[in-house]
Amino acid sequence: MAEFVTIAIFNFPHEILVLKSILENENIPHLFLNENLIGINPMATIAYGGIQLKVHPNDFQTVQTILDQLSENENLKIV
């Protein structure tokens, strides 16, 4: 996991649900750092720096494309 880089930061757990499903379906290794901590105490998102999406550098461009597509879709806008 030391090689993984942060590609996006989210404030609340509901913001990552669609993205998490897409990454799992595409078999892209990923980690949502602080997901459980903020899920338990959403108001602590500032203290923990949000939910950080970390991916392997080899998958960075693929995940960036997915994030861009989600941002363009008004019904699924998360970032």
PDB file of N, CA and C in Angstrom:
ATOM      1  N   MET A   1       0.809  -1.192   0.000  1.00  0.00           N
ATOM      2  CA  MET A   1       0.000   0.000   0.000  1.00  0.00           C
ATOM      3  C   MET A   1       0.856   1.262   0.000  1.00  0.00           C
ATOM      4  N   ALA A   2       2.122   1.154   0.332  1.00  0.00           N
ATOM      5  CA  ALA A   2       2.981   2.331   0.353  1.00  0.00           C
ATOM      6  C   ALA A   2       3.111   2.941  -1.029  1.00  0.00           C
ATOM      7  N   GLU A   3       2.936   2.133  -2.081  1.00  0.00           N
ATOM      8  CA  GLU A   3       3.045   2.628  -3.445  1.00  0.00           C
ATOM      9  C   GLU A   3       1.790   3.377  -3.887  1.00  0.00           C
ATOM     10  N   PHE A   4       0.684   3.145  -3.242  1.00  0.00           N
ATOM     11  CA  PHE A   4      -0.581   3.739  -3.672  1.00  0.00           C
ATOM     12  C   PHE A   4      -0.546   5.250  -3.488  1.00  0.00           C
ATOM     13  N   VAL A   5      -1.203   5.966  -4.414  1.00  0.00           N
ATOM     14  CA  VAL A   5      -1.246   7.424  -4.364  1.00  0.00           C
ATOM     15  C   VAL A   5      -2.694   7.889  -4.238  1.00  0.00           C
ATOM     16  N   THR A   6      -2.872   9.036  -3.618  1.00  0.00           N
ATOM     17  CA  THR A   6      -4.204   9.602  -3.456  1.00  0.00           C
ATOM     18  C   THR A   6      -4.617  10.289  -4.743  1.00  0.00           C
ATOM     19  N   ILE A   7      -5.798   9.927  -5.234  1.00  0.00           N
ATOM     20  CA  ILE A   7      -6.304  10.516  -6.468  1.00  0.00           C
ATOM     21  C   ILE A   7      -7.508  11.426  -6.202  1.00  0.00           C
ATOM     22  N   ALA A   8      -8.232  11.192  -5.116  1.00  0.00           N
ATOM     23  CA  ALA A   8      -9.404  12.020  -4.799  1.00  0.00           C
ATOM     24  C   ALA A   8      -9.681  11.944  -3.301  1.00  0.00           C
ATOM     25  N   ILE A   9     -10.345  12.981  -2.807  1.00  0.00           N
ATOM     26  CA  ILE A   9     -10.742  13.033  -1.401  1.00  0.00           C
ATOM     27  C   ILE A   9     -12.224  13.385  -1.332  1.00  0.00           C
ATOM     28  N   PHE A  10     -12.948  12.633  -0.520  1.00  0.00           N
ATOM     29  CA  PHE A  10     -14.389  12.822  -0.361  1.00  0.00           C
ATOM     30  C   PHE A  10     -14.686  13.150   1.092  1.00  0.00           C
ATOM     31  N   ASN A  11     -15.790  13.846   1.328  1.00  0.00           N
ATOM     32  CA  ASN A  11     -16.129  14.251   2.689  1.00  0.00           C
ATOM     33  C   ASN A  11     -16.999  13.248   3.440  1.00  0.00           C
ATOM     34  N   PHE A  12     -17.877  12.552   2.714  1.00  0.00           N
ATOM     35  CA  PHE A  12     -18.829  11.676   3.385  1.00  0.00           C
ATOM     36  C   PHE A  12     -18.930  10.320   2.682  1.00  0.00           C
ATOM     37  N   PRO A  13     -19.250   9.264   3.434  1.00  0.00           N
ATOM     38  CA  PRO A  13     -19.298   7.907   2.856  1.00  0.00           C
ATOM     39  C   PRO A  13     -20.275   7.752   1.688  1.00  0.00           C
ATOM     40  N   HIS A  14     -21.392   8.468   1.684  1.00  0.00           N
ATOM     41  CA  HIS A  14     -22.361   8.295   0.593  1.00  0.00           C
ATOM     42  C   HIS A  14     -21.788   8.759  -0.747  1.00  0.00           C
ATOM     43  N   GLU A  15     -20.754   9.585  -0.729  1.00  0.00           N
ATOM     44  CA  GLU A  15     -20.158  10.092  -1.967  1.00  0.00           C
ATOM     45  C   GLU A  15     -19.348   9.043  -2.716  1.00  0.00           C
ATOM     46  N   ILE A  16     -18.984   7.961  -2.040  1.00  0.00           N
ATOM     47  CA  ILE A  16     -18.107   6.969  -2.677  1.00  0.00           C
ATOM     48  C   ILE A  16     -18.828   5.695  -3.119  1.00  0.00           C
ATOM     49  N   LEU A  17     -20.111   5.574  -2.847  1.00  0.00           N
ATOM     50  CA  LEU A  17     -20.812   4.313  -3.101  1.00  0.00           C
ATOM     51  C   LEU A  17     -20.772   3.882  -4.560  1.00  0.00           C
ATOM     52  N   VAL A  18     -21.119   4.765  -5.478  1.00  0.00           N
ATOM     53  CA  VAL A  18     -21.138   4.409  -6.906  1.00  0.00           C
ATOM     54  C   VAL A  18     -19.715   4.133  -7.385  1.00  0.00           C
ATOM     55  N   LEU A  19     -18.790   4.998  -7.003  1.00  0.00           N
ATOM     56  CA  LEU A  19     -17.393   4.833  -7.416  1.00  0.00           C
ATOM     57  C   LEU A  19     -16.813   3.522  -6.909  1.00  0.00           C
ATOM     58  N   LYS A  20     -17.092   3.183  -5.671  1.00  0.00           N
ATOM     59  CA  LYS A  20     -16.594   1.932  -5.092  1.00  0.00           C
ATOM     60  C   LYS A  20     -17.095   0.727  -5.889  1.00  0.00           C
ATOM     61  N   SER A  21     -18.353   0.747  -6.265  1.00  0.00           N
ATOM     62  CA  SER A  21     -18.931  -0.335  -7.054  1.00  0.00           C
ATOM     63  C   SER A  21     -18.253  -0.448  -8.418  1.00  0.00           C
ATOM     64  N   ILE A  22     -18.011   0.687  -9.061  1.00  0.00           N
ATOM     65  CA  ILE A  22     -17.348   0.677 -10.372  1.00  0.00           C
ATOM     66  C   ILE A  22     -15.937   0.124 -10.264  1.00  0.00           C
ATOM     67  N   LEU A  23     -15.185   0.573  -9.272  1.00  0.00           N
ATOM     68  CA  LEU A  23     -13.802   0.097  -9.107  1.00  0.00           C
ATOM     69  C   LEU A  23     -13.761  -1.398  -8.831  1.00  0.00           C
ATOM     70  N   GLU A  24     -14.687  -1.893  -8.031  1.00  0.00           N
ATOM     71  CA  GLU A  24     -14.729  -3.324  -7.739  1.00  0.00           C
ATOM     72  C   GLU A  24     -15.102  -4.129  -8.980  1.00  0.00           C
ATOM     73  N   ASN A  25     -16.057  -3.632  -9.766  1.00  0.00           N
ATOM     74  CA  ASN A  25     -16.457  -4.323 -10.995  1.00  0.00           C
ATOM     75  C   ASN A  25     -15.349  -4.345 -12.036  1.00  0.00           C
ATOM     76  N   GLU A  26     -14.525  -3.321 -12.049  1.00  0.00           N
ATOM     77  CA  GLU A  26     -13.400  -3.232 -12.993  1.00  0.00           C
ATOM     78  C   GLU A  26     -12.139  -3.937 -12.464  1.00  0.00           C
ATOM     79  N   ASN A  27     -12.230  -4.499 -11.265  1.00  0.00           N
ATOM     80  CA  ASN A  27     -11.087  -5.166 -10.611  1.00  0.00           C
ATOM     81  C   ASN A  27      -9.873  -4.259 -10.492  1.00  0.00           C
ATOM     82  N   ILE A  28     -10.112  -3.004 -10.131  1.00  0.00           N
ATOM     83  CA  ILE A  28      -9.031  -2.043  -9.923  1.00  0.00           C
ATOM     84  C   ILE A  28      -8.702  -2.026  -8.436  1.00  0.00           C
ATOM     85  N   PRO A  29      -7.466  -2.375  -8.087  1.00  0.00           N
ATOM     86  CA  PRO A  29      -7.078  -2.334  -6.667  1.00  0.00           C
ATOM     87  C   PRO A  29      -7.188  -0.900  -6.140  1.00  0.00           C
ATOM     88  N   HIS A  30      -7.843  -0.743  -5.006  1.00  0.00           N
ATOM     89  CA  HIS A  30      -8.037   0.585  -4.444  1.00  0.00           C
ATOM     90  C   HIS A  30      -8.204   0.491  -2.932  1.00  0.00           C
ATOM     91  N   LEU A  31      -8.098   1.646  -2.301  1.00  0.00           N
ATOM     92  CA  LEU A  31      -8.279   1.737  -0.863  1.00  0.00           C
ATOM     93  C   LEU A  31      -8.958   3.063  -0.562  1.00  0.00           C
ATOM     94  N   PHE A  32     -10.028   3.021   0.210  1.00  0.00           N
ATOM     95  CA  PHE A  32     -10.655   4.242   0.700  1.00  0.00           C
ATOM     96  C   PHE A  32     -10.180   4.430   2.138  1.00  0.00           C
ATOM     97  N   LEU A  33      -9.155   5.241   2.303  1.00  0.00           N
ATOM     98  CA  LEU A  33      -8.569   5.482   3.622  1.00  0.00           C
ATOM     99  C   LEU A  33      -9.520   6.328   4.463  1.00  0.00           C
ATOM    100  N   ASN A  34      -9.732   5.950   5.691  1.00  0.00           N
ATOM    101  CA  ASN A  34     -10.599   6.619   6.670  1.00  0.00           C
ATOM    102  C   ASN A  34     -12.091   6.383   6.425  1.00  0.00           C
ATOM    103  N   GLU A  35     -12.440   5.476   5.537  1.00  0.00           N
ATOM    104  CA  GLU A  35     -13.850   5.217   5.226  1.00  0.00           C
ATOM    105  C   GLU A  35     -14.639   4.831   6.474  1.00  0.00           C
ATOM    106  N   ASN A  36     -14.128   3.907   7.259  1.00  0.00           N
ATOM    107  CA  ASN A  36     -14.852   3.441   8.439  1.00  0.00           C
ATOM    108  C   ASN A  36     -14.883   4.493   9.542  1.00  0.00           C
ATOM    109  N   LEU A  37     -13.779   5.196   9.751  1.00  0.00           N
ATOM    110  CA  LEU A  37     -13.736   6.231  10.790  1.00  0.00           C
ATOM    111  C   LEU A  37     -14.774   7.315  10.536  1.00  0.00           C
ATOM    112  N   ILE A  38     -14.854   7.761   9.301  1.00  0.00           N
ATOM    113  CA  ILE A  38     -15.788   8.827   8.965  1.00  0.00           C
ATOM    114  C   ILE A  38     -17.215   8.284   8.875  1.00  0.00           C
ATOM    115  N   GLY A  39     -17.359   7.013   8.541  1.00  0.00           N
ATOM    116  CA  GLY A  39     -18.673   6.394   8.552  1.00  0.00           C
ATOM    117  C   GLY A  39     -19.272   6.367   9.947  1.00  0.00           C
ATOM    118  N   ILE A  40     -18.437   6.179  10.941  1.00  0.00           N
ATOM    119  CA  ILE A  40     -18.888   6.151  12.339  1.00  0.00           C
ATOM    120  C   ILE A  40     -19.152   7.562  12.854  1.00  0.00           C
ATOM    121  N   ASN A  41     -18.280   8.497  12.473  1.00  0.00           N
ATOM    122  CA  ASN A  41     -18.399   9.872  12.950  1.00  0.00           C
ATOM    123  C   ASN A  41     -18.211  10.840  11.782  1.00  0.00           C
ATOM    124  N   PRO A  42     -19.265  11.098  11.017  1.00  0.00           N
ATOM    125  CA  PRO A  42     -19.146  11.937   9.824  1.00  0.00           C
ATOM    126  C   PRO A  42     -18.618  13.339  10.092  1.00  0.00           C
ATOM    127  N   MET A  43     -18.827  13.860  11.281  1.00  0.00           N
ATOM    128  CA  MET A  43     -18.367  15.210  11.581  1.00  0.00           C
ATOM    129  C   MET A  43     -16.847  15.273  11.766  1.00  0.00           C
ATOM    130  N   ALA A  44     -16.200  14.125  11.844  1.00  0.00           N
ATOM    131  CA  ALA A  44     -14.748  14.071  12.007  1.00  0.00           C
ATOM    132  C   ALA A  44     -14.021  14.093  10.671  1.00  0.00           C
ATOM    133  N   THR A  45     -14.750  14.285   9.582  1.00  0.00           N
ATOM    134  CA  THR A  45     -14.133  14.252   8.264  1.00  0.00           C
ATOM    135  C   THR A  45     -13.018  15.280   8.126  1.00  0.00           C
ATOM    136  N   ILE A  46     -13.171  16.440   8.740  1.00  0.00           N
ATOM    137  CA  ILE A  46     -12.140  17.476   8.658  1.00  0.00           C
ATOM    138  C   ILE A  46     -10.902  17.047   9.439  1.00  0.00           C
ATOM    139  N   ALA A  47     -11.105  16.456  10.600  1.00  0.00           N
ATOM    140  CA  ALA A  47      -9.980  16.035  11.434  1.00  0.00           C
ATOM    141  C   ALA A  47      -9.133  14.955  10.762  1.00  0.00           C
ATOM    142  N   TYR A  48      -9.781  14.058  10.024  1.00  0.00           N
ATOM    143  CA  TYR A  48      -9.064  12.958   9.384  1.00  0.00           C
ATOM    144  C   TYR A  48      -8.647  13.264   7.951  1.00  0.00           C
ATOM    145  N   GLY A  49      -9.034  14.410   7.441  1.00  0.00           N
ATOM    146  CA  GLY A  49      -8.663  14.764   6.070  1.00  0.00           C
ATOM    147  C   GLY A  49      -9.542  14.131   5.021  1.00  0.00           C
ATOM    148  N   GLY A  50     -10.738  13.734   5.389  1.00  0.00           N
ATOM    149  CA  GLY A  50     -11.685  13.151   4.443  1.00  0.00           C
ATOM    150  C   GLY A  50     -11.391  11.693   4.139  1.00  0.00           C
ATOM    151  N   ILE A  51     -12.182  11.151   3.234  1.00  0.00           N
ATOM    152  CA  ILE A  51     -11.989   9.775   2.769  1.00  0.00           C
ATOM    153  C   ILE A  51     -11.112   9.849   1.528  1.00  0.00           C
ATOM    154  N   GLN A  52      -9.930   9.312   1.636  1.00  0.00           N
ATOM    155  CA  GLN A  52      -8.958   9.399   0.544  1.00  0.00           C
ATOM    156  C   GLN A  52      -9.018   8.152  -0.324  1.00  0.00           C
ATOM    157  N   LEU A  53      -9.225   8.364  -1.610  1.00  0.00           N
ATOM    158  CA  LEU A  53      -9.187   7.255  -2.558  1.00  0.00           C
ATOM    159  C   LEU A  53      -7.746   7.080  -2.997  1.00  0.00           C
ATOM    160  N   LYS A  54      -7.183   5.924  -2.695  1.00  0.00           N
ATOM    161  CA  LYS A  54      -5.807   5.618  -3.070  1.00  0.00           C
ATOM    162  C   LYS A  54      -5.814   4.489  -4.095  1.00  0.00           C
ATOM    163  N   VAL A  55      -5.006   4.669  -5.143  1.00  0.00           N
ATOM    164  CA  VAL A  55      -4.894   3.668  -6.206  1.00  0.00           C
ATOM    165  C   VAL A  55      -3.429   3.475  -6.558  1.00  0.00           C
ATOM    166  N   HIS A  56      -3.147   2.369  -7.202  1.00  0.00           N
ATOM    167  CA  HIS A  56      -1.786   2.108  -7.667  1.00  0.00           C
ATOM    168  C   HIS A  56      -1.475   3.061  -8.821  1.00  0.00           C
ATOM    169  N   PRO A  57      -0.246   3.557  -8.900  1.00  0.00           N
ATOM    170  CA  PRO A  57       0.108   4.480  -9.986  1.00  0.00           C
ATOM    171  C   PRO A  57      -0.194   3.943 -11.393  1.00  0.00           C
ATOM    172  N   ASN A  58      -0.127   2.628 -11.581  1.00  0.00           N
ATOM    173  CA  ASN A  58      -0.442   2.054 -12.894  1.00  0.00           C
ATOM    174  C   ASN A  58      -1.913   2.225 -13.277  1.00  0.00           C
ATOM    175  N   ASP A  59      -2.786   2.387 -12.277  1.00  0.00           N
ATOM    176  CA  ASP A  59      -4.222   2.529 -12.517  1.00  0.00           C
ATOM    177  C   ASP A  59      -4.689   3.984 -12.423  1.00  0.00           C
ATOM    178  N   PHE A  60      -3.761   4.895 -12.196  1.00  0.00           N
ATOM    179  CA  PHE A  60      -4.112   6.287 -11.950  1.00  0.00           C
ATOM    180  C   PHE A  60      -4.940   6.875 -13.097  1.00  0.00           C
ATOM    181  N   GLN A  61      -4.487   6.723 -14.322  1.00  0.00           N
ATOM    182  CA  GLN A  61      -5.184   7.316 -15.470  1.00  0.00           C
ATOM    183  C   GLN A  61      -6.558   6.695 -15.683  1.00  0.00           C
ATOM    184  N   THR A  62      -6.664   5.391 -15.486  1.00  0.00           N
ATOM    185  CA  THR A  62      -7.952   4.717 -15.633  1.00  0.00           C
ATOM    186  C   THR A  62      -8.959   5.251 -14.619  1.00  0.00           C
ATOM    187  N   VAL A  63      -8.523   5.377 -13.380  1.00  0.00           N
ATOM    188  CA  VAL A  63      -9.418   5.876 -12.330  1.00  0.00           C
ATOM    189  C   VAL A  63      -9.750   7.351 -12.577  1.00  0.00           C
ATOM    190  N   GLN A  64      -8.795   8.122 -13.055  1.00  0.00           N
ATOM    191  CA  GLN A  64      -9.066   9.530 -13.353  1.00  0.00           C
ATOM    192  C   GLN A  64     -10.142   9.651 -14.433  1.00  0.00           C
ATOM    193  N   THR A  65     -10.095   8.776 -15.414  1.00  0.00           N
ATOM    194  CA  THR A  65     -11.109   8.763 -16.469  1.00  0.00           C
ATOM    195  C   THR A  65     -12.485   8.442 -15.890  1.00  0.00           C
ATOM    196  N   ILE A  66     -12.537   7.469 -14.988  1.00  0.00           N
ATOM    197  CA  ILE A  66     -13.804   7.114 -14.331  1.00  0.00           C
ATOM    198  C   ILE A  66     -14.333   8.304 -13.536  1.00  0.00           C
ATOM    199  N   LEU A  67     -13.468   8.971 -12.792  1.00  0.00           N
ATOM    200  CA  LEU A  67     -13.881  10.140 -12.010  1.00  0.00           C
ATOM    201  C   LEU A  67     -14.399  11.247 -12.919  1.00  0.00           C
ATOM    202  N   ASP A  68     -13.725  11.468 -14.026  1.00  0.00           N
ATOM    203  CA  ASP A  68     -14.156  12.498 -14.984  1.00  0.00           C
ATOM    204  C   ASP A  68     -15.533  12.173 -15.550  1.00  0.00           C
ATOM    205  N   GLN A  69     -15.767  10.902 -15.881  1.00  0.00           N
ATOM    206  CA  GLN A  69     -17.061  10.498 -16.427  1.00  0.00           C
ATOM    207  C   GLN A  69     -18.173  10.685 -15.405  1.00  0.00           C
ATOM    208  N   LEU A  70     -17.884  10.383 -14.144  1.00  0.00           N
ATOM    209  CA  LEU A  70     -18.883  10.574 -13.098  1.00  0.00           C
ATOM    210  C   LEU A  70     -19.166  12.054 -12.868  1.00  0.00           C
ATOM    211  N   SER A  71     -18.155  12.883 -12.995  1.00  0.00           N
ATOM    212  CA  SER A  71     -18.338  14.321 -12.804  1.00  0.00           C
ATOM    213  C   SER A  71     -19.169  14.940 -13.925  1.00  0.00           C
ATOM    214  N   GLU A  72     -19.072  14.370 -15.116  1.00  0.00           N
ATOM    215  CA  GLU A  72     -19.826  14.892 -16.263  1.00  0.00           C
ATOM    216  C   GLU A  72     -21.298  14.502 -16.203  1.00  0.00           C
ATOM    217  N   ASN A  73     -21.604  13.412 -15.518  1.00  0.00           N
ATOM    218  CA  ASN A  73     -22.978  12.931 -15.421  1.00  0.00           C
ATOM    219  C   ASN A  73     -23.679  13.644 -14.264  1.00  0.00           C
ATOM    220  N   GLU A  74     -24.631  14.514 -14.573  1.00  0.00           N
ATOM    221  CA  GLU A  74     -25.322  15.297 -13.545  1.00  0.00           C
ATOM    222  C   GLU A  74     -26.042  14.430 -12.521  1.00  0.00           C
ATOM    223  N   ASN A  75     -26.499  13.238 -12.924  1.00  0.00           N
ATOM    224  CA  ASN A  75     -27.219  12.361 -11.998  1.00  0.00           C
ATOM    225  C   ASN A  75     -26.300  11.621 -11.041  1.00  0.00           C
ATOM    226  N   LEU A  76     -25.012  11.521 -11.376  1.00  0.00           N
ATOM    227  CA  LEU A  76     -24.070  10.775 -10.541  1.00  0.00           C
ATOM    228  C   LEU A  76     -22.914  11.637 -10.061  1.00  0.00           C
ATOM    229  N   LYS A  77     -23.012  12.933 -10.177  1.00  0.00           N
ATOM    230  CA  LYS A  77     -21.905  13.831  -9.843  1.00  0.00           C
ATOM    231  C   LYS A  77     -21.482  13.628  -8.386  1.00  0.00           C
ATOM    232  N   ILE A  78     -20.198  13.273  -8.198  1.00  0.00           N
ATOM    233  CA  ILE A  78     -19.714  13.015  -6.843  1.00  0.00           C
ATOM    234  C   ILE A  78     -18.514  13.849  -6.468  1.00  0.00           C
ATOM    235  N   VAL A  79     -17.833  14.386  -7.443  1.00  0.00           N
ATOM    236  CA  VAL A  79     -16.604  15.134  -7.132  1.00  0.00           C
ATOM    237  C   VAL A  79     -16.783  16.583  -7.515  1.00  0.00           C
TER     238      VAL A  79
END
